[in-house]
Amino acid sequence: MTSSRVERHVRGRQAAGTSVEADLGWALGVVFRRYAKEAAAALDGVPGGPRGYQVLSTAVVEGPKRQLDLAAHLGVDRTVMTYLLDDLEKAGLVERQPDPTDRRARLIVATDQGKEAICDLERRLVQAEQAVLGSLDEAERRLFRMLLQRVAVKADAIDPVDNACALADEDVDITKT
């Protein structure tokens, strides 16, 4: 945004009398921090915490994936993924198996112990989610999740550099909501 657009944006917020509670970034931050705290407690004891859970869940739900593909899919640095898999493997939750189509690659496969663990972890995460979204009824929670997932998928598909340029070129009137 140019400096004149930033000034109009700030003046628009002040004129509209909007508080910080009306700011999307503030709301997302509050909800994220609360969910991160609840989820971390729910995933206590899982090697790698939330990332370890995501790896295990992906291996259970989507089946075997190549280690590098799994890292890319979850947005985890490949070196970090190696250490994470080492810890999950030591805990008996996943194992690396040779990829029959590429002898240089390894497939990440959930063990029986990992498949059993995922059920308990999902139950605990549902409780964490309910603690965070407790002010919404069940229908509102489903709608919130659906809308949030739609926004997340779209946001993940947009190149951040291109998106930043597009946003900077927009002249948004924030007083109209």
N, C-alpha and C. Protein backbone atom coordinates (compact mmCIF):
# COMPACT_ATOMS: atom_id res chain seq x y z
N MET A 1 0.84 -1.17 0.00
CA MET A 1 0.00 0.00 0.00
C MET A 1 0.89 1.24 0.00
N THR A 2 0.49 2.25 -0.77
CA THR A 2 1.24 3.50 -0.73
C THR A 2 0.94 4.20 0.57
N SER A 3 1.79 5.19 0.90
CA SER A 3 1.60 5.87 2.19
C SER A 3 0.26 6.59 2.24
N SER A 4 -0.22 7.13 1.12
CA SER A 4 -1.53 7.80 1.15
C SER A 4 -2.65 6.79 1.38
N ARG A 5 -2.52 5.59 0.80
CA ARG A 5 -3.53 4.55 1.03
C ARG A 5 -3.51 4.09 2.48
N VAL A 6 -2.31 3.98 3.06
CA VAL A 6 -2.20 3.59 4.47
C VAL A 6 -2.87 4.65 5.34
N GLU A 7 -2.61 5.93 5.04
CA GLU A 7 -3.22 7.00 5.82
C GLU A 7 -4.74 6.96 5.71
N ARG A 8 -5.28 6.73 4.49
CA ARG A 8 -6.73 6.62 4.31
C ARG A 8 -7.28 5.43 5.09
N HIS A 9 -6.51 4.33 5.08
CA HIS A 9 -6.91 3.11 5.81
C HIS A 9 -7.02 3.42 7.30
N VAL A 10 -6.00 4.07 7.86
CA VAL A 10 -5.99 4.39 9.30
C VAL A 10 -7.10 5.39 9.62
N ARG A 11 -7.25 6.44 8.80
CA ARG A 11 -8.32 7.42 9.03
C ARG A 11 -9.69 6.76 8.94
N GLY A 12 -9.85 5.84 7.99
CA GLY A 12 -11.11 5.13 7.83
C GLY A 12 -11.46 4.33 9.07
N ARG A 13 -10.46 3.67 9.63
CA ARG A 13 -10.69 2.89 10.87
C ARG A 13 -11.06 3.82 12.01
N GLN A 14 -10.33 4.94 12.13
CA GLN A 14 -10.61 5.86 13.22
C GLN A 14 -11.99 6.48 13.07
N ALA A 15 -12.33 6.86 11.83
CA ALA A 15 -13.64 7.48 11.59
C ALA A 15 -14.76 6.49 11.85
N ALA A 16 -14.52 5.26 11.52
CA ALA A 16 -15.55 4.24 11.74
C ALA A 16 -15.64 3.84 13.20
N GLY A 17 -14.64 4.23 13.99
CA GLY A 17 -14.66 3.90 15.41
C GLY A 17 -14.44 2.43 15.67
N THR A 18 -13.73 1.76 14.77
CA THR A 18 -13.52 0.32 14.95
C THR A 18 -12.43 0.08 15.98
N SER A 19 -12.65 -0.90 16.79
CA SER A 19 -11.68 -1.26 17.81
C SER A 19 -10.81 -2.39 17.29
N VAL A 20 -9.84 -2.75 18.07
CA VAL A 20 -8.94 -3.83 17.69
C VAL A 20 -9.72 -5.14 17.53
N GLU A 21 -10.80 -5.30 18.28
CA GLU A 21 -11.60 -6.52 18.19
C GLU A 21 -12.22 -6.71 16.81
N ALA A 22 -12.33 -5.65 16.02
CA ALA A 22 -12.88 -5.73 14.68
C ALA A 22 -11.81 -6.10 13.65
N ASP A 23 -10.56 -6.16 14.08
CA ASP A 23 -9.44 -6.43 13.18
C ASP A 23 -9.29 -7.94 12.97
N LEU A 24 -9.27 -8.38 11.74
CA LEU A 24 -9.14 -9.80 11.42
C LEU A 24 -7.86 -10.38 11.98
N GLY A 25 -6.75 -9.67 11.84
CA GLY A 25 -5.46 -10.15 12.35
C GLY A 25 -5.48 -10.38 13.84
N TRP A 26 -6.09 -9.46 14.56
CA TRP A 26 -6.18 -9.61 16.02
C TRP A 26 -6.99 -10.86 16.35
N ALA A 27 -8.15 -11.02 15.71
CA ALA A 27 -9.03 -12.16 16.00
C ALA A 27 -8.34 -13.48 15.64
N LEU A 28 -7.72 -13.53 14.48
CA LEU A 28 -7.01 -14.75 14.08
C LEU A 28 -5.90 -15.08 15.07
N GLY A 29 -5.19 -14.06 15.51
CA GLY A 29 -4.10 -14.27 16.46
C GLY A 29 -4.59 -14.81 17.79
N VAL A 30 -5.67 -14.25 18.30
CA VAL A 30 -6.22 -14.71 19.58
C VAL A 30 -6.67 -16.16 19.47
N VAL A 31 -7.42 -16.47 18.42
CA VAL A 31 -7.92 -17.84 18.24
C VAL A 31 -6.76 -18.80 18.02
N PHE A 32 -5.78 -18.40 17.20
CA PHE A 32 -4.64 -19.28 16.94
C PHE A 32 -3.86 -19.56 18.22
N ARG A 33 -3.56 -18.52 19.00
CA ARG A 33 -2.78 -18.73 20.22
C ARG A 33 -3.52 -19.65 21.19
N ARG A 34 -4.82 -19.47 21.33
CA ARG A 34 -5.59 -20.33 22.23
C ARG A 34 -5.60 -21.77 21.71
N TYR A 35 -5.81 -21.93 20.40
CA TYR A 35 -5.83 -23.29 19.84
C TYR A 35 -4.44 -23.93 19.96
N ALA A 36 -3.39 -23.18 19.68
CA ALA A 36 -2.03 -23.73 19.77
C ALA A 36 -1.75 -24.22 21.18
N LYS A 37 -2.18 -23.46 22.17
CA LYS A 37 -1.97 -23.85 23.57
C LYS A 37 -2.75 -25.12 23.91
N GLU A 38 -4.02 -25.17 23.53
CA GLU A 38 -4.87 -26.34 23.79
C GLU A 38 -4.37 -27.57 23.03
N ALA A 39 -3.98 -27.38 21.78
CA ALA A 39 -3.51 -28.50 20.96
C ALA A 39 -2.18 -29.03 21.49
N ALA A 40 -1.29 -28.14 21.91
CA ALA A 40 -0.01 -28.59 22.46
C ALA A 40 -0.24 -29.46 23.70
N ALA A 41 -1.18 -29.06 24.54
CA ALA A 41 -1.49 -29.86 25.73
C ALA A 41 -2.09 -31.20 25.33
N ALA A 42 -2.95 -31.19 24.32
CA ALA A 42 -3.59 -32.44 23.86
C ALA A 42 -2.58 -33.39 23.23
N LEU A 43 -1.54 -32.84 22.63
CA LEU A 43 -0.55 -33.66 21.94
C LEU A 43 0.71 -33.89 22.77
N ASP A 44 0.62 -33.57 24.06
CA ASP A 44 1.75 -33.78 24.95
C ASP A 44 2.19 -35.25 24.88
N GLY A 45 3.46 -35.47 24.69
CA GLY A 45 4.00 -36.82 24.62
C GLY A 45 4.18 -37.33 23.20
N VAL A 46 3.60 -36.65 22.21
CA VAL A 46 3.80 -37.05 20.82
C VAL A 46 5.13 -36.47 20.35
N PRO A 47 6.03 -37.30 19.85
CA PRO A 47 7.30 -36.76 19.34
C PRO A 47 7.04 -35.70 18.27
N GLY A 48 7.59 -34.52 18.48
CA GLY A 48 7.41 -33.44 17.52
C GLY A 48 6.14 -32.64 17.74
N GLY A 49 5.35 -32.99 18.74
CA GLY A 49 4.13 -32.24 19.05
C GLY A 49 3.18 -32.17 17.86
N PRO A 50 2.67 -30.96 17.56
CA PRO A 50 1.72 -30.81 16.46
C PRO A 50 2.27 -31.29 15.10
N ARG A 51 3.52 -31.03 14.83
CA ARG A 51 4.09 -31.51 13.56
C ARG A 51 4.14 -33.03 13.52
N GLY A 52 4.50 -33.64 14.63
CA GLY A 52 4.53 -35.09 14.69
C GLY A 52 3.15 -35.67 14.47
N TYR A 53 2.14 -35.03 15.06
CA TYR A 53 0.77 -35.46 14.86
C TYR A 53 0.39 -35.36 13.38
N GLN A 54 0.74 -34.25 12.74
CA GLN A 54 0.40 -34.07 11.33
C GLN A 54 1.04 -35.14 10.46
N VAL A 55 2.29 -35.48 10.75
CA VAL A 55 2.96 -36.54 9.99
C VAL A 55 2.24 -37.87 10.20
N LEU A 56 1.98 -38.20 11.46
CA LEU A 56 1.31 -39.46 11.77
C LEU A 56 -0.08 -39.51 11.15
N SER A 57 -0.84 -38.44 11.30
CA SER A 57 -2.19 -38.38 10.75
C SER A 57 -2.18 -38.55 9.23
N THR A 58 -1.26 -37.89 8.57
CA THR A 58 -1.16 -38.00 7.11
C THR A 58 -0.81 -39.42 6.71
N ALA A 59 0.11 -40.04 7.43
CA ALA A 59 0.50 -41.42 7.12
C ALA A 59 -0.67 -42.39 7.33
N VAL A 60 -1.49 -42.13 8.34
CA VAL A 60 -2.64 -43.00 8.61
C VAL A 60 -3.74 -42.77 7.58
N VAL A 61 -4.10 -41.52 7.37
CA VAL A 61 -5.26 -41.19 6.53
C VAL A 61 -4.96 -41.34 5.04
N GLU A 62 -3.80 -40.87 4.60
CA GLU A 62 -3.49 -40.86 3.17
C GLU A 62 -2.64 -42.04 2.74
N GLY A 63 -2.17 -42.81 3.69
CA GLY A 63 -1.33 -43.95 3.35
C GLY A 63 0.12 -43.54 3.15
N PRO A 64 0.94 -44.50 2.75
CA PRO A 64 2.37 -44.23 2.62
C PRO A 64 2.67 -43.10 1.64
N LYS A 65 3.59 -42.25 2.03
CA LYS A 65 4.08 -41.16 1.17
C LYS A 65 5.59 -41.16 1.23
N ARG A 66 6.19 -40.73 0.15
CA ARG A 66 7.64 -40.55 0.16
C ARG A 66 7.99 -39.47 1.16
N GLN A 67 9.14 -39.63 1.78
CA GLN A 67 9.56 -38.70 2.82
C GLN A 67 9.60 -37.26 2.30
N LEU A 68 10.18 -37.03 1.14
CA LEU A 68 10.26 -35.67 0.59
C LEU A 68 8.89 -35.13 0.21
N ASP A 69 8.03 -36.00 -0.32
CA ASP A 69 6.67 -35.56 -0.66
C ASP A 69 5.89 -35.18 0.59
N LEU A 70 6.08 -35.94 1.65
CA LEU A 70 5.42 -35.66 2.92
C LEU A 70 5.91 -34.32 3.48
N ALA A 71 7.20 -34.09 3.41
CA ALA A 71 7.76 -32.81 3.89
C ALA A 71 7.17 -31.65 3.11
N ALA A 72 7.12 -31.77 1.79
CA ALA A 72 6.57 -30.70 0.96
C ALA A 72 5.08 -30.50 1.24
N HIS A 73 4.35 -31.58 1.37
CA HIS A 73 2.91 -31.53 1.61
C HIS A 73 2.60 -30.80 2.92
N LEU A 74 3.40 -31.04 3.94
CA LEU A 74 3.16 -30.44 5.25
C LEU A 74 3.91 -29.13 5.47
N GLY A 75 4.73 -28.73 4.50
CA GLY A 75 5.48 -27.48 4.63
C GLY A 75 6.57 -27.56 5.69
N VAL A 76 7.20 -28.73 5.79
CA VAL A 76 8.26 -28.94 6.78
C VAL A 76 9.59 -29.06 6.04
N ASP A 77 10.59 -28.35 6.51
CA ASP A 77 11.93 -28.44 5.94
C ASP A 77 12.38 -29.91 5.93
N ARG A 78 13.03 -30.32 4.87
CA ARG A 78 13.38 -31.75 4.75
C ARG A 78 14.35 -32.21 5.83
N THR A 79 15.23 -31.34 6.30
CA THR A 79 16.13 -31.72 7.40
C THR A 79 15.35 -31.89 8.69
N VAL A 80 14.43 -30.97 8.95
CA VAL A 80 13.58 -31.07 10.13
C VAL A 80 12.74 -32.34 10.05
N MET A 81 12.25 -32.64 8.84
CA MET A 81 11.44 -33.85 8.65
C MET A 81 12.25 -35.10 9.00
N THR A 82 13.51 -35.13 8.65
CA THR A 82 14.34 -36.29 8.96
C THR A 82 14.41 -36.52 10.47
N TYR A 83 14.68 -35.46 11.24
CA TYR A 83 14.74 -35.58 12.69
C TYR A 83 13.37 -35.95 13.28
N LEU A 84 12.34 -35.36 12.75
CA LEU A 84 10.99 -35.66 13.21
C LEU A 84 10.64 -37.13 12.98
N LEU A 85 10.97 -37.63 11.80
CA LEU A 85 10.71 -39.05 11.50
C LEU A 85 11.56 -39.97 12.37
N ASP A 86 12.80 -39.56 12.64
CA ASP A 86 13.64 -40.35 13.54
C ASP A 86 12.94 -40.53 14.89
N ASP A 87 12.39 -39.43 15.43
CA ASP A 87 11.73 -39.48 16.73
C ASP A 87 10.44 -40.30 16.68
N LEU A 88 9.65 -40.13 15.61
CA LEU A 88 8.41 -40.90 15.47
C LEU A 88 8.70 -42.39 15.29
N GLU A 89 9.79 -42.68 14.59
CA GLU A 89 10.17 -44.08 14.38
C GLU A 89 10.65 -44.71 15.69
N LYS A 90 11.44 -43.96 16.48
CA LYS A 90 11.89 -44.46 17.79
C LYS A 90 10.71 -44.74 18.71
N ALA A 91 9.64 -43.95 18.57
CA ALA A 91 8.45 -44.15 19.40
C ALA A 91 7.57 -45.28 18.88
N GLY A 92 7.93 -45.83 17.74
CA GLY A 92 7.18 -46.95 17.17
C GLY A 92 5.90 -46.56 16.45
N LEU A 93 5.77 -45.27 16.08
CA LEU A 93 4.55 -44.79 15.46
C LEU A 93 4.57 -44.87 13.93
N VAL A 94 5.75 -44.71 13.34
CA VAL A 94 5.91 -44.81 11.88
C VAL A 94 7.16 -45.62 11.59
N GLU A 95 7.25 -46.06 10.35
CA GLU A 95 8.49 -46.70 9.91
C GLU A 95 8.76 -46.27 8.48
N ARG A 96 10.03 -46.28 8.14
CA ARG A 96 10.45 -45.99 6.78
C ARG A 96 10.60 -47.32 6.05
N GLN A 97 9.99 -47.39 4.88
CA GLN A 97 10.09 -48.59 4.06
C GLN A 97 10.61 -48.20 2.69
N PRO A 98 11.36 -49.08 2.05
CA PRO A 98 11.84 -48.77 0.69
C PRO A 98 10.66 -48.57 -0.26
N ASP A 99 10.80 -47.59 -1.13
CA ASP A 99 9.79 -47.35 -2.16
C ASP A 99 10.05 -48.32 -3.30
N PRO A 100 9.10 -49.20 -3.62
CA PRO A 100 9.33 -50.20 -4.67
C PRO A 100 9.56 -49.59 -6.06
N THR A 101 9.14 -48.33 -6.25
CA THR A 101 9.32 -47.70 -7.56
C THR A 101 10.59 -46.85 -7.65
N ASP A 102 11.25 -46.61 -6.51
CA ASP A 102 12.47 -45.80 -6.50
C ASP A 102 13.31 -46.23 -5.31
N ARG A 103 14.35 -46.99 -5.57
CA ARG A 103 15.14 -47.57 -4.48
C ARG A 103 15.86 -46.52 -3.63
N ARG A 104 15.96 -45.29 -4.12
CA ARG A 104 16.61 -44.23 -3.34
C ARG A 104 15.65 -43.58 -2.34
N ALA A 105 14.35 -43.75 -2.56
CA ALA A 105 13.35 -43.08 -1.73
C ALA A 105 12.82 -44.01 -0.63
N ARG A 106 12.28 -43.40 0.41
CA ARG A 106 11.66 -44.14 1.50
C ARG A 106 10.22 -43.69 1.65
N LEU A 107 9.35 -44.68 1.89
CA LEU A 107 7.95 -44.40 2.16
C LEU A 107 7.75 -44.34 3.67
N ILE A 108 6.94 -43.39 4.10
CA ILE A 108 6.62 -43.27 5.52
C ILE A 108 5.29 -43.97 5.73
N VAL A 109 5.31 -44.98 6.60
CA VAL A 109 4.15 -45.84 6.83
C VAL A 109 3.83 -45.83 8.33
N ALA A 110 2.54 -45.65 8.65
CA ALA A 110 2.12 -45.72 10.05
C ALA A 110 2.16 -47.17 10.50
N THR A 111 2.67 -47.39 11.70
CA THR A 111 2.67 -48.74 12.29
C THR A 111 1.30 -49.00 12.90
N ASP A 112 1.08 -50.22 13.34
CA ASP A 112 -0.17 -50.54 14.04
C ASP A 112 -0.29 -49.69 15.30
N GLN A 113 0.82 -49.50 16.00
CA GLN A 113 0.82 -48.65 17.20
C GLN A 113 0.45 -47.21 16.83
N GLY A 114 0.96 -46.73 15.70
CA GLY A 114 0.64 -45.37 15.24
C GLY A 114 -0.82 -45.23 14.90
N LYS A 115 -1.39 -46.26 14.26
CA LYS A 115 -2.81 -46.24 13.90
C LYS A 115 -3.68 -46.23 15.15
N GLU A 116 -3.27 -46.96 16.18
CA GLU A 116 -4.03 -46.96 17.43
C GLU A 116 -3.91 -45.61 18.14
N ALA A 117 -2.72 -45.04 18.11
CA ALA A 117 -2.47 -43.76 18.80
C ALA A 117 -3.28 -42.63 18.18
N ILE A 118 -3.47 -42.68 16.87
CA ILE A 118 -4.14 -41.56 16.19
C ILE A 118 -5.57 -41.38 16.69
N CYS A 119 -6.25 -42.45 17.03
CA CYS A 119 -7.63 -42.35 17.52
C CYS A 119 -7.69 -41.55 18.82
N ASP A 120 -6.79 -41.86 19.75
CA ASP A 120 -6.75 -41.14 21.02
C ASP A 120 -6.36 -39.68 20.80
N LEU A 121 -5.40 -39.44 19.92
CA LEU A 121 -4.96 -38.07 19.66
C LEU A 121 -6.07 -37.25 19.02
N GLU A 122 -6.82 -37.84 18.11
CA GLU A 122 -7.93 -37.11 17.48
C GLU A 122 -9.01 -36.78 18.50
N ARG A 123 -9.28 -37.70 19.41
CA ARG A 123 -10.26 -37.45 20.47
C ARG A 123 -9.81 -36.26 21.32
N ARG A 124 -8.53 -36.24 21.68
CA ARG A 124 -8.01 -35.14 22.50
C ARG A 124 -8.06 -33.81 21.74
N LEU A 125 -7.78 -33.85 20.44
CA LEU A 125 -7.83 -32.61 19.65
C LEU A 125 -9.25 -32.10 19.49
N VAL A 126 -10.22 -32.99 19.41
CA VAL A 126 -11.63 -32.57 19.36
C VAL A 126 -11.98 -31.83 20.64
N GLN A 127 -11.52 -32.34 21.77
CA GLN A 127 -11.76 -31.67 23.05
C GLN A 127 -11.09 -30.29 23.08
N ALA A 128 -9.89 -30.19 22.53
CA ALA A 128 -9.18 -28.91 22.48
C ALA A 128 -9.96 -27.93 21.59
N GLU A 129 -10.43 -28.41 20.46
CA GLU A 129 -11.20 -27.56 19.55
C GLU A 129 -12.49 -27.08 20.22
N GLN A 130 -13.15 -27.97 20.95
CA GLN A 130 -14.38 -27.59 21.65
C GLN A 130 -14.11 -26.52 22.71
N ALA A 131 -12.96 -26.61 23.35
CA ALA A 131 -12.60 -25.60 24.34
C ALA A 131 -12.42 -24.23 23.68
N VAL A 132 -11.85 -24.21 22.49
CA VAL A 132 -11.60 -22.95 21.79
C VAL A 132 -12.89 -22.41 21.17
N LEU A 133 -13.68 -23.28 20.58
CA LEU A 133 -14.88 -22.84 19.86
C LEU A 133 -16.15 -23.01 20.71
N GLY A 134 -15.99 -23.07 22.01
CA GLY A 134 -17.12 -23.30 22.91
C GLY A 134 -18.22 -22.27 22.85
N SER A 135 -17.93 -21.08 22.35
CA SER A 135 -18.97 -20.06 22.27
C SER A 135 -19.88 -20.24 21.06
N LEU A 136 -19.54 -21.20 20.19
CA LEU A 136 -20.35 -21.49 19.00
C LEU A 136 -21.14 -22.78 19.20
N ASP A 137 -22.36 -22.82 18.66
CA ASP A 137 -23.09 -24.08 18.71
C ASP A 137 -22.54 -25.01 17.62
N GLU A 138 -23.01 -26.24 17.59
CA GLU A 138 -22.45 -27.25 16.69
C GLU A 138 -22.55 -26.84 15.21
N ALA A 139 -23.68 -26.28 14.81
CA ALA A 139 -23.84 -25.85 13.41
C ALA A 139 -22.88 -24.72 13.08
N GLU A 140 -22.69 -23.79 14.02
CA GLU A 140 -21.76 -22.68 13.81
C GLU A 140 -20.32 -23.19 13.72
N ARG A 141 -19.99 -24.20 14.53
CA ARG A 141 -18.64 -24.78 14.48
C ARG A 141 -18.37 -25.41 13.12
N ARG A 142 -19.34 -26.16 12.61
CA ARG A 142 -19.18 -26.78 11.29
C ARG A 142 -19.00 -25.72 10.22
N LEU A 143 -19.82 -24.66 10.28
CA LEU A 143 -19.73 -23.58 9.30
C LEU A 143 -18.38 -22.87 9.41
N PHE A 144 -17.96 -22.57 10.63
CA PHE A 144 -16.68 -21.91 10.86
C PHE A 144 -15.53 -22.74 10.26
N ARG A 145 -15.52 -24.04 10.57
CA ARG A 145 -14.47 -24.92 10.04
C ARG A 145 -14.49 -24.96 8.52
N MET A 146 -15.68 -25.06 7.93
CA MET A 146 -15.80 -25.13 6.48
C MET A 146 -15.26 -23.84 5.84
N LEU A 147 -15.67 -22.69 6.37
CA LEU A 147 -15.22 -21.43 5.81
C LEU A 147 -13.71 -21.23 6.01
N LEU A 148 -13.23 -21.58 7.19
CA LEU A 148 -11.81 -21.44 7.46
C LEU A 148 -10.98 -22.34 6.55
N GLN A 149 -11.43 -23.57 6.34
CA GLN A 149 -10.71 -24.48 5.44
C GLN A 149 -10.72 -23.94 4.02
N ARG A 150 -11.84 -23.38 3.58
CA ARG A 150 -11.90 -22.81 2.23
C ARG A 150 -10.90 -21.66 2.08
N VAL A 151 -10.86 -20.78 3.07
CA VAL A 151 -9.92 -19.66 3.03
C VAL A 151 -8.48 -20.17 3.06
N ALA A 152 -8.21 -21.17 3.92
CA ALA A 152 -6.85 -21.70 4.04
C ALA A 152 -6.39 -22.35 2.75
N VAL A 153 -7.24 -23.13 2.11
CA VAL A 153 -6.87 -23.79 0.85
C VAL A 153 -6.57 -22.73 -0.21
N LYS A 154 -7.41 -21.72 -0.30
CA LYS A 154 -7.21 -20.65 -1.29
C LYS A 154 -5.93 -19.87 -0.97
N ALA A 155 -5.72 -19.56 0.30
CA ALA A 155 -4.53 -18.79 0.69
C ALA A 155 -3.26 -19.58 0.42
N ASP A 156 -3.31 -20.89 0.63
CA ASP A 156 -2.15 -21.74 0.41
C ASP A 156 -1.83 -21.86 -1.08
N ALA A 157 -2.84 -21.69 -1.93
CA ALA A 157 -2.66 -21.85 -3.37
C ALA A 157 -2.17 -20.57 -4.04
N ILE A 158 -2.21 -19.46 -3.33
CA ILE A 158 -1.81 -18.18 -3.91
C ILE A 158 -0.35 -17.91 -3.61
N ASP A 159 0.39 -17.51 -4.64
CA ASP A 159 1.78 -17.13 -4.46
C ASP A 159 1.81 -15.87 -3.60
N PRO A 160 2.46 -15.90 -2.42
CA PRO A 160 2.44 -14.74 -1.52
C PRO A 160 2.97 -13.47 -2.17
N VAL A 161 3.96 -13.57 -3.05
CA VAL A 161 4.49 -12.38 -3.69
C VAL A 161 3.45 -11.77 -4.60
N ASP A 162 2.81 -12.61 -5.44
CA ASP A 162 1.76 -12.11 -6.33
C ASP A 162 0.60 -11.57 -5.52
N ASN A 163 0.24 -12.27 -4.44
CA ASN A 163 -0.87 -11.85 -3.61
C ASN A 163 -0.58 -10.49 -2.98
N ALA A 164 0.64 -10.28 -2.50
CA ALA A 164 1.00 -9.01 -1.87
C ALA A 164 0.87 -7.86 -2.88
N CYS A 165 1.30 -8.11 -4.10
CA CYS A 165 1.19 -7.07 -5.13
C CYS A 165 -0.27 -6.78 -5.44
N ALA A 166 -1.09 -7.81 -5.52
CA ALA A 166 -2.50 -7.62 -5.82
C ALA A 166 -3.17 -6.84 -4.69
N LEU A 167 -2.83 -7.17 -3.45
CA LEU A 167 -3.44 -6.47 -2.32
C LEU A 167 -3.00 -5.01 -2.27
N ALA A 168 -1.74 -4.75 -2.60
CA ALA A 168 -1.23 -3.38 -2.57
C ALA A 168 -1.91 -2.52 -3.63
N ASP A 169 -2.32 -3.14 -4.73
CA ASP A 169 -2.97 -2.39 -5.81
C ASP A 169 -4.45 -2.13 -5.56
N GLU A 170 -5.05 -2.88 -4.61
CA GLU A 170 -6.46 -2.69 -4.33
C GLU A 170 -6.67 -1.45 -3.48
N ASP A 171 -7.75 -0.75 -3.77
CA ASP A 171 -8.14 0.41 -2.95
C ASP A 171 -9.38 -0.02 -2.18
N VAL A 172 -9.14 -0.54 -0.97
CA VAL A 172 -10.21 -1.12 -0.17
C VAL A 172 -10.76 -0.09 0.78
N ASP A 173 -12.09 0.04 0.80
CA ASP A 173 -12.74 0.92 1.75
C ASP A 173 -13.18 0.07 2.93
N ILE A 174 -12.41 0.12 4.01
CA ILE A 174 -12.69 -0.75 5.16
C ILE A 174 -13.88 -0.27 5.97
N THR A 175 -14.40 0.93 5.69
CA THR A 175 -15.54 1.41 6.47
C THR A 175 -16.83 0.76 6.01
N LYS A 176 -16.81 0.07 4.86
CA LYS A 176 -18.00 -0.62 4.36
C LYS A 176 -17.89 -2.08 4.69
N THR A 177 -18.56 -2.51 5.76
CA THR A 177 -18.56 -3.92 6.14
C THR A 177 -19.94 -4.40 6.41
